[in-house]
Amino acid sequence: MRYIMKERILSWGDDFTIRDADGRDAYYVDGKVLSFGHKLSFRDMQKNELALIDQKLLSIGKQFEIIRGGKTVAVVKKHLFTLMRARFTVDVPGPDDLEAQGNFLAHEYVFERHGREVARVSKKWFRLSDTYGIDINEGEDDVLILAAAVVIDLVSHPDEKGD
């Protein structure tokens, strides 16, 4: 499934609109203003919260929990020391962690599980500055991968406030 993610520039907090391949609004990510660290609510268009993205403040490096139904379903963390390329891990319970690697500053990277590509993030088809596409393989957890892409955007493109 292809999604188009766009950060909303003129908004309070870190807000994202996610559309499906046909251009229809599919999800909305609402960044909470006046919170310690980043807190974002990942919602469907009926305003149902599907996941909460919460920055873990007392960790080495930036780490974020993705929470569903009060349970942590993944922890997204940037590897601090890597040769040549940045990498992120999406640590899920069990052996099916995701690794994201590529050029995060240019929004050109892939998510892999056990060396097999499961999603691709690319800005090359979009001229708008804060818009990029996310192609997710069938059978994958779209909300989890989209939430992880939001985290990678927050870490790779900190805003002017310096976070």
N, C-alpha and C. Protein backbone atom coordinates (compact mmCIF):
# COMPACT_ATOMS: atom_id res chain seq x y z
N MET A 1 0.85 -1.17 0.00
CA MET A 1 0.00 0.00 0.00
C MET A 1 0.89 1.23 0.00
N ARG A 2 0.53 2.21 -0.78
CA ARG A 2 1.30 3.45 -0.84
C ARG A 2 0.58 4.51 -0.02
N TYR A 3 1.38 5.22 0.79
CA TYR A 3 0.89 6.34 1.57
C TYR A 3 1.71 7.58 1.22
N ILE A 4 1.12 8.73 1.40
CA ILE A 4 1.80 10.00 1.20
C ILE A 4 1.76 10.73 2.53
N MET A 5 2.93 11.01 3.08
CA MET A 5 3.02 11.67 4.39
C MET A 5 3.52 13.10 4.18
N LYS A 6 2.82 14.01 4.85
CA LYS A 6 3.18 15.42 4.77
C LYS A 6 3.15 16.01 6.15
N GLU A 7 4.25 16.65 6.53
CA GLU A 7 4.27 17.36 7.81
C GLU A 7 3.54 18.67 7.63
N ARG A 8 2.68 18.97 8.59
CA ARG A 8 1.93 20.23 8.53
C ARG A 8 2.82 21.34 9.10
N ILE A 9 3.18 22.26 8.23
CA ILE A 9 4.13 23.31 8.60
C ILE A 9 3.53 24.31 9.57
N LEU A 10 2.35 24.81 9.29
CA LEU A 10 1.75 25.85 10.12
C LEU A 10 0.82 25.23 11.16
N SER A 11 1.40 24.54 12.13
CA SER A 11 0.59 23.90 13.18
C SER A 11 1.36 23.97 14.48
N TRP A 12 0.63 23.84 15.57
CA TRP A 12 1.26 23.75 16.88
C TRP A 12 1.66 22.31 17.09
N GLY A 13 2.89 22.07 17.48
CA GLY A 13 3.35 20.70 17.68
C GLY A 13 3.79 20.09 16.36
N ASP A 14 4.15 18.81 16.40
CA ASP A 14 4.56 18.07 15.22
C ASP A 14 3.36 17.32 14.69
N ASP A 15 2.72 17.86 13.66
CA ASP A 15 1.52 17.27 13.09
C ASP A 15 1.81 16.75 11.69
N PHE A 16 1.24 15.60 11.36
CA PHE A 16 1.41 14.99 10.05
C PHE A 16 0.05 14.58 9.52
N THR A 17 -0.13 14.70 8.21
CA THR A 17 -1.29 14.15 7.53
C THR A 17 -0.78 13.02 6.66
N ILE A 18 -1.47 11.88 6.70
CA ILE A 18 -1.08 10.72 5.90
C ILE A 18 -2.26 10.38 5.00
N ARG A 19 -1.99 10.37 3.69
CA ARG A 19 -3.04 10.06 2.71
C ARG A 19 -2.76 8.71 2.06
N ASP A 20 -3.81 8.09 1.53
CA ASP A 20 -3.61 6.85 0.80
C ASP A 20 -3.19 7.18 -0.64
N ALA A 21 -2.99 6.16 -1.45
CA ALA A 21 -2.50 6.34 -2.81
C ALA A 21 -3.47 7.14 -3.68
N ASP A 22 -4.74 7.15 -3.31
CA ASP A 22 -5.74 7.90 -4.07
C ASP A 22 -5.88 9.34 -3.59
N GLY A 23 -5.06 9.74 -2.61
CA GLY A 23 -5.08 11.11 -2.12
C GLY A 23 -6.09 11.37 -1.03
N ARG A 24 -6.76 10.33 -0.53
CA ARG A 24 -7.73 10.50 0.56
C ARG A 24 -7.01 10.47 1.90
N ASP A 25 -7.44 11.35 2.81
CA ASP A 25 -6.87 11.34 4.15
C ASP A 25 -7.12 9.97 4.79
N ALA A 26 -6.04 9.36 5.32
CA ALA A 26 -6.14 8.05 5.95
C ALA A 26 -5.85 8.13 7.44
N TYR A 27 -4.83 8.92 7.82
CA TYR A 27 -4.43 9.03 9.21
C TYR A 27 -4.01 10.47 9.49
N TYR A 28 -4.00 10.79 10.78
CA TYR A 28 -3.56 12.10 11.23
C TYR A 28 -2.70 11.87 12.47
N VAL A 29 -1.55 12.52 12.52
CA VAL A 29 -0.68 12.42 13.68
C VAL A 29 -0.66 13.79 14.34
N ASP A 30 -1.11 13.83 15.59
CA ASP A 30 -1.25 15.07 16.34
C ASP A 30 -0.16 15.16 17.39
N GLY A 31 0.77 16.09 17.19
CA GLY A 31 1.82 16.32 18.17
C GLY A 31 1.29 17.13 19.33
N LYS A 32 1.53 16.64 20.53
CA LYS A 32 1.04 17.33 21.73
C LYS A 32 1.96 18.50 22.05
N VAL A 33 1.36 19.65 22.23
CA VAL A 33 2.09 20.86 22.57
C VAL A 33 2.23 20.91 24.10
N LEU A 34 3.30 21.54 24.56
CA LEU A 34 3.55 21.73 25.99
C LEU A 34 3.72 20.41 26.75
N SER A 35 4.45 19.47 26.16
CA SER A 35 4.76 18.24 26.86
C SER A 35 6.28 18.11 26.94
N PHE A 36 6.76 17.35 27.91
CA PHE A 36 8.19 17.09 28.02
C PHE A 36 8.53 15.99 27.04
N GLY A 37 9.40 16.29 26.09
CA GLY A 37 9.68 15.34 25.03
C GLY A 37 8.53 15.33 24.03
N HIS A 38 8.70 14.53 23.00
CA HIS A 38 7.66 14.43 21.98
C HIS A 38 6.61 13.42 22.41
N LYS A 39 5.35 13.80 22.27
CA LYS A 39 4.21 12.91 22.46
C LYS A 39 3.28 13.16 21.29
N LEU A 40 2.96 12.09 20.57
CA LEU A 40 2.12 12.23 19.39
C LEU A 40 1.03 11.18 19.42
N SER A 41 -0.15 11.59 19.00
CA SER A 41 -1.29 10.68 18.93
C SER A 41 -1.54 10.33 17.47
N PHE A 42 -1.45 9.04 17.13
CA PHE A 42 -1.65 8.55 15.78
C PHE A 42 -3.12 8.14 15.66
N ARG A 43 -3.90 8.84 14.82
CA ARG A 43 -5.35 8.67 14.78
C ARG A 43 -5.85 8.34 13.37
N ASP A 44 -6.98 7.64 13.33
CA ASP A 44 -7.67 7.48 12.05
C ASP A 44 -8.53 8.72 11.82
N MET A 45 -9.22 8.78 10.71
CA MET A 45 -9.97 9.98 10.37
C MET A 45 -11.24 10.14 11.19
N GLN A 46 -11.63 9.11 11.94
CA GLN A 46 -12.77 9.24 12.86
C GLN A 46 -12.28 9.67 14.26
N LYS A 47 -11.00 10.04 14.34
CA LYS A 47 -10.35 10.54 15.56
C LYS A 47 -10.13 9.45 16.62
N ASN A 48 -10.18 8.17 16.21
CA ASN A 48 -9.84 7.07 17.13
C ASN A 48 -8.32 6.97 17.24
N GLU A 49 -7.81 6.94 18.47
CA GLU A 49 -6.37 6.81 18.64
C GLU A 49 -5.97 5.37 18.36
N LEU A 50 -5.08 5.20 17.38
CA LEU A 50 -4.59 3.88 17.00
C LEU A 50 -3.27 3.55 17.68
N ALA A 51 -2.51 4.58 18.00
CA ALA A 51 -1.21 4.41 18.66
C ALA A 51 -0.81 5.74 19.30
N LEU A 52 0.02 5.63 20.31
CA LEU A 52 0.62 6.79 20.95
C LEU A 52 2.13 6.67 20.76
N ILE A 53 2.75 7.75 20.33
CA ILE A 53 4.20 7.80 20.17
C ILE A 53 4.73 8.66 21.31
N ASP A 54 5.60 8.08 22.14
CA ASP A 54 6.06 8.76 23.36
C ASP A 54 7.58 8.68 23.46
N GLN A 55 8.23 9.83 23.53
CA GLN A 55 9.68 9.86 23.66
C GLN A 55 10.09 9.43 25.05
N LYS A 56 11.08 8.52 25.13
CA LYS A 56 11.64 8.10 26.41
C LYS A 56 12.76 9.08 26.74
N LEU A 57 12.55 9.89 27.77
CA LEU A 57 13.49 10.96 28.07
C LEU A 57 14.76 10.48 28.77
N LEU A 58 14.69 9.44 29.54
CA LEU A 58 15.85 8.99 30.31
C LEU A 58 16.56 7.83 29.62
N SER A 59 16.88 8.02 28.35
CA SER A 59 17.57 6.98 27.60
C SER A 59 18.80 7.58 26.94
N ILE A 60 19.74 6.73 26.61
CA ILE A 60 20.92 7.18 25.88
C ILE A 60 20.53 7.27 24.42
N GLY A 61 20.65 8.44 23.85
CA GLY A 61 20.17 8.64 22.49
C GLY A 61 18.65 8.80 22.50
N LYS A 62 18.11 9.18 21.37
CA LYS A 62 16.66 9.37 21.30
C LYS A 62 15.98 8.03 21.07
N GLN A 63 15.01 7.74 21.94
CA GLN A 63 14.21 6.53 21.82
C GLN A 63 12.75 6.90 21.99
N PHE A 64 11.90 6.21 21.25
CA PHE A 64 10.47 6.46 21.30
C PHE A 64 9.74 5.13 21.44
N GLU A 65 8.71 5.13 22.26
CA GLU A 65 7.85 3.96 22.38
C GLU A 65 6.62 4.18 21.51
N ILE A 66 6.18 3.11 20.86
CA ILE A 66 4.91 3.10 20.16
C ILE A 66 3.98 2.24 21.01
N ILE A 67 2.90 2.85 21.48
CA ILE A 67 2.02 2.22 22.46
C ILE A 67 0.64 2.03 21.84
N ARG A 68 0.08 0.84 22.02
CA ARG A 68 -1.28 0.54 21.58
C ARG A 68 -2.01 -0.12 22.73
N GLY A 69 -3.20 0.37 23.02
CA GLY A 69 -4.00 -0.24 24.08
C GLY A 69 -3.28 -0.29 25.42
N GLY A 70 -2.45 0.70 25.70
CA GLY A 70 -1.73 0.77 26.96
C GLY A 70 -0.47 -0.10 27.01
N LYS A 71 -0.14 -0.82 25.93
CA LYS A 71 1.04 -1.69 25.90
C LYS A 71 2.04 -1.19 24.87
N THR A 72 3.31 -1.25 25.24
CA THR A 72 4.37 -0.88 24.30
C THR A 72 4.49 -2.00 23.26
N VAL A 73 4.28 -1.65 21.99
CA VAL A 73 4.37 -2.64 20.92
C VAL A 73 5.69 -2.52 20.14
N ALA A 74 6.40 -1.41 20.35
CA ALA A 74 7.70 -1.24 19.69
C ALA A 74 8.46 -0.10 20.34
N VAL A 75 9.77 -0.18 20.25
CA VAL A 75 10.66 0.91 20.67
C VAL A 75 11.52 1.24 19.45
N VAL A 76 11.48 2.50 19.04
CA VAL A 76 12.26 2.95 17.89
C VAL A 76 13.47 3.69 18.44
N LYS A 77 14.65 3.24 18.00
CA LYS A 77 15.88 3.89 18.49
C LYS A 77 16.90 4.00 17.38
N LYS A 78 17.63 5.10 17.43
CA LYS A 78 18.70 5.33 16.47
C LYS A 78 19.98 4.73 17.03
N HIS A 79 20.69 4.02 16.18
CA HIS A 79 21.98 3.49 16.60
C HIS A 79 22.95 4.66 16.74
N LEU A 80 23.64 4.69 17.86
CA LEU A 80 24.54 5.81 18.11
C LEU A 80 25.83 5.72 17.32
N PHE A 81 26.37 4.53 17.17
CA PHE A 81 27.66 4.37 16.51
C PHE A 81 27.52 3.40 15.35
N THR A 82 27.50 3.93 14.14
CA THR A 82 27.46 3.10 12.95
C THR A 82 28.49 3.64 11.97
N LEU A 83 29.08 2.76 11.21
CA LEU A 83 30.05 3.18 10.21
C LEU A 83 29.31 3.57 8.94
N MET A 84 29.59 4.74 8.43
CA MET A 84 29.14 5.23 7.14
C MET A 84 27.66 5.64 7.08
N ARG A 85 26.74 4.86 7.64
CA ARG A 85 25.31 5.14 7.46
C ARG A 85 24.61 5.13 8.80
N ALA A 86 23.60 5.96 8.90
CA ALA A 86 22.75 5.93 10.09
C ALA A 86 21.80 4.74 9.98
N ARG A 87 21.38 4.23 11.15
CA ARG A 87 20.43 3.12 11.20
C ARG A 87 19.49 3.31 12.37
N PHE A 88 18.28 2.84 12.21
CA PHE A 88 17.30 2.81 13.27
C PHE A 88 16.81 1.38 13.44
N THR A 89 16.50 1.01 14.67
CA THR A 89 15.87 -0.27 14.94
C THR A 89 14.47 -0.02 15.46
N VAL A 90 13.52 -0.81 14.96
CA VAL A 90 12.16 -0.82 15.49
C VAL A 90 12.06 -2.16 16.23
N ASP A 91 12.29 -2.09 17.54
CA ASP A 91 12.35 -3.28 18.39
C ASP A 91 10.94 -3.68 18.80
N VAL A 92 10.48 -4.81 18.30
CA VAL A 92 9.16 -5.33 18.63
C VAL A 92 9.34 -6.60 19.46
N PRO A 93 8.34 -6.97 20.26
CA PRO A 93 8.47 -8.22 21.02
C PRO A 93 8.68 -9.40 20.07
N GLY A 94 9.58 -10.28 20.44
CA GLY A 94 9.87 -11.44 19.60
C GLY A 94 10.99 -11.17 18.63
N PRO A 95 11.15 -12.06 17.65
CA PRO A 95 12.32 -11.99 16.76
C PRO A 95 12.12 -11.17 15.49
N ASP A 96 11.04 -10.42 15.36
CA ASP A 96 10.73 -9.76 14.09
C ASP A 96 11.01 -8.27 14.07
N ASP A 97 12.12 -7.85 14.68
CA ASP A 97 12.49 -6.43 14.67
C ASP A 97 12.66 -5.94 13.24
N LEU A 98 12.46 -4.64 13.06
CA LEU A 98 12.69 -3.99 11.79
C LEU A 98 13.96 -3.16 11.89
N GLU A 99 14.69 -3.08 10.79
CA GLU A 99 15.85 -2.20 10.69
C GLU A 99 15.56 -1.21 9.58
N ALA A 100 15.80 0.06 9.85
CA ALA A 100 15.65 1.09 8.83
C ALA A 100 17.04 1.63 8.52
N GLN A 101 17.37 1.67 7.24
CA GLN A 101 18.66 2.21 6.86
C GLN A 101 18.58 2.88 5.50
N GLY A 102 19.43 3.88 5.33
CA GLY A 102 19.47 4.64 4.10
C GLY A 102 19.82 6.08 4.39
N ASN A 103 19.34 6.98 3.58
CA ASN A 103 19.61 8.41 3.74
C ASN A 103 18.38 9.06 4.37
N PHE A 104 18.41 9.21 5.68
CA PHE A 104 17.26 9.72 6.40
C PHE A 104 17.05 11.22 6.18
N LEU A 105 18.13 11.96 5.98
CA LEU A 105 18.00 13.39 5.74
C LEU A 105 17.27 13.67 4.42
N ALA A 106 17.44 12.79 3.44
CA ALA A 106 16.80 12.96 2.14
C ALA A 106 15.49 12.18 2.02
N HIS A 107 15.05 11.54 3.11
CA HIS A 107 13.82 10.71 3.08
C HIS A 107 13.94 9.61 2.04
N GLU A 108 15.08 8.93 2.00
CA GLU A 108 15.30 7.81 1.08
C GLU A 108 15.86 6.66 1.90
N TYR A 109 14.97 5.78 2.38
CA TYR A 109 15.43 4.66 3.18
C TYR A 109 14.44 3.50 3.11
N VAL A 110 14.87 2.35 3.61
CA VAL A 110 14.03 1.16 3.59
C VAL A 110 13.92 0.58 5.00
N PHE A 111 12.80 -0.10 5.25
CA PHE A 111 12.62 -0.91 6.43
C PHE A 111 12.84 -2.36 6.01
N GLU A 112 13.66 -3.09 6.77
CA GLU A 112 13.91 -4.50 6.48
C GLU A 112 13.66 -5.35 7.71
N ARG A 113 13.24 -6.59 7.46
CA ARG A 113 13.11 -7.59 8.52
C ARG A 113 13.87 -8.82 8.03
N HIS A 114 14.85 -9.26 8.79
CA HIS A 114 15.69 -10.41 8.42
C HIS A 114 16.27 -10.25 7.02
N GLY A 115 16.68 -9.01 6.67
CA GLY A 115 17.31 -8.74 5.38
C GLY A 115 16.34 -8.61 4.22
N ARG A 116 15.04 -8.70 4.46
CA ARG A 116 14.04 -8.59 3.39
C ARG A 116 13.32 -7.25 3.53
N GLU A 117 13.25 -6.51 2.42
CA GLU A 117 12.59 -5.20 2.43
C GLU A 117 11.09 -5.38 2.65
N VAL A 118 10.55 -4.61 3.63
CA VAL A 118 9.11 -4.65 3.90
C VAL A 118 8.44 -3.30 3.63
N ALA A 119 9.23 -2.23 3.53
CA ALA A 119 8.68 -0.91 3.23
C ALA A 119 9.80 -0.01 2.71
N ARG A 120 9.40 0.98 1.91
CA ARG A 120 10.35 1.93 1.35
C ARG A 120 9.80 3.33 1.52
N VAL A 121 10.66 4.24 1.95
CA VAL A 121 10.31 5.65 2.11
C VAL A 121 11.10 6.42 1.06
N SER A 122 10.40 7.27 0.30
CA SER A 122 11.08 7.99 -0.76
C SER A 122 10.44 9.35 -1.00
N LYS A 123 11.29 10.33 -1.18
CA LYS A 123 10.85 11.68 -1.48
C LYS A 123 10.99 11.98 -2.97
N LYS A 124 11.61 11.10 -3.73
CA LYS A 124 11.98 11.44 -5.10
C LYS A 124 10.80 11.75 -6.01
N TRP A 125 9.59 11.32 -5.69
CA TRP A 125 8.44 11.59 -6.55
C TRP A 125 7.69 12.85 -6.14
N PHE A 126 8.15 13.55 -5.11
CA PHE A 126 7.41 14.69 -4.60
C PHE A 126 8.26 15.94 -4.62
N ARG A 127 7.68 17.03 -5.09
CA ARG A 127 8.41 18.31 -5.14
C ARG A 127 8.20 19.14 -3.88
N LEU A 128 7.11 18.89 -3.18
CA LEU A 128 6.84 19.67 -1.97
C LEU A 128 7.88 19.31 -0.92
N SER A 129 8.33 20.29 -0.18
CA SER A 129 9.48 20.12 0.71
C SER A 129 9.27 19.08 1.81
N ASP A 130 8.12 19.03 2.42
CA ASP A 130 7.91 18.12 3.54
C ASP A 130 6.92 17.01 3.20
N THR A 131 7.00 16.49 1.97
CA THR A 131 6.10 15.43 1.52
C THR A 131 6.93 14.26 1.00
N TYR A 132 6.55 13.05 1.37
CA TYR A 132 7.24 11.87 0.86
C TYR A 132 6.31 10.67 0.87
N GLY A 133 6.68 9.69 0.05
CA GLY A 133 5.86 8.50 -0.08
C GLY A 133 6.40 7.36 0.76
N ILE A 134 5.49 6.49 1.19
CA ILE A 134 5.86 5.31 1.95
C ILE A 134 5.12 4.13 1.34
N ASP A 135 5.86 3.20 0.77
CA ASP A 135 5.29 1.98 0.19
C ASP A 135 5.49 0.85 1.18
N ILE A 136 4.38 0.23 1.61
CA ILE A 136 4.43 -0.84 2.61
C ILE A 136 3.93 -2.12 1.96
N ASN A 137 4.70 -3.19 2.09
CA ASN A 137 4.31 -4.48 1.52
C ASN A 137 3.03 -4.99 2.15
N GLU A 138 2.27 -5.71 1.37
CA GLU A 138 1.03 -6.31 1.85
C GLU A 138 1.31 -7.25 3.02
N GLY A 139 0.43 -7.22 4.01
CA GLY A 139 0.57 -8.09 5.17
C GLY A 139 1.38 -7.50 6.30
N GLU A 140 1.95 -6.32 6.09
CA GLU A 140 2.73 -5.66 7.14
C GLU A 140 1.80 -4.79 7.99
N ASP A 141 2.28 -4.38 9.15
CA ASP A 141 1.53 -3.53 10.06
C ASP A 141 1.73 -2.07 9.63
N ASP A 142 0.79 -1.56 8.83
CA ASP A 142 0.92 -0.22 8.27
C ASP A 142 1.07 0.84 9.35
N VAL A 143 0.25 0.78 10.39
CA VAL A 143 0.29 1.79 11.44
C VAL A 143 1.65 1.78 12.14
N LEU A 144 2.19 0.62 12.43
CA LEU A 144 3.49 0.52 13.09
C LEU A 144 4.59 1.13 12.21
N ILE A 145 4.60 0.80 10.94
CA ILE A 145 5.64 1.31 10.05
C ILE A 145 5.48 2.82 9.84
N LEU A 146 4.25 3.29 9.67
CA LEU A 146 4.02 4.73 9.52
C LEU A 146 4.43 5.48 10.79
N ALA A 147 4.10 4.94 11.96
CA ALA A 147 4.50 5.58 13.23
C ALA A 147 6.02 5.61 13.35
N ALA A 148 6.70 4.53 12.95
CA ALA A 148 8.17 4.50 12.99
C ALA A 148 8.74 5.55 12.03
N ALA A 149 8.11 5.74 10.86
CA ALA A 149 8.57 6.76 9.91
C ALA A 149 8.41 8.16 10.50
N VAL A 150 7.35 8.38 11.27
CA VAL A 150 7.16 9.67 11.95
C VAL A 150 8.31 9.89 12.94
N VAL A 151 8.66 8.86 13.72
CA VAL A 151 9.76 8.98 14.68
C VAL A 151 11.06 9.29 13.96
N ILE A 152 11.35 8.59 12.88
CA ILE A 152 12.59 8.83 12.13
C ILE A 152 12.61 10.26 11.61
N ASP A 153 11.48 10.77 11.16
CA ASP A 153 11.41 12.16 10.71
C ASP A 153 11.73 13.11 11.87
N LEU A 154 11.16 12.86 13.05
CA LEU A 154 11.41 13.73 14.20
C LEU A 154 12.88 13.75 14.60
N VAL A 155 13.52 12.59 14.56
CA VAL A 155 14.92 12.49 14.98
C VAL A 155 15.85 13.03 13.90
N SER A 156 15.54 12.76 12.64
CA SER A 156 16.43 13.16 11.53
C SER A 156 16.26 14.61 11.12
N HIS A 157 15.10 15.20 11.42
CA HIS A 157 14.80 16.59 11.01
C HIS A 157 14.30 17.38 12.21
N PRO A 158 15.16 17.58 13.22
CA PRO A 158 14.71 18.34 14.39
C PRO A 158 14.31 19.75 13.98
N ASP A 159 13.29 20.26 14.66
CA ASP A 159 12.80 21.59 14.30
C ASP A 159 13.72 22.68 14.83
N GLU A 160 13.34 23.90 14.55
CA GLU A 160 14.18 25.04 14.90
C GLU A 160 14.32 25.26 16.41
N LYS A 161 13.52 24.57 17.22
CA LYS A 161 13.64 24.72 18.66
C LYS A 161 14.83 23.93 19.20
N GLY A 162 15.45 23.10 18.32
CA GLY A 162 16.66 22.41 18.74
C GLY A 162 16.42 21.10 19.43
N ASP A 163 15.20 20.47 19.26
CA ASP A 163 15.06 19.17 19.89
C ASP A 163 15.44 18.05 18.99
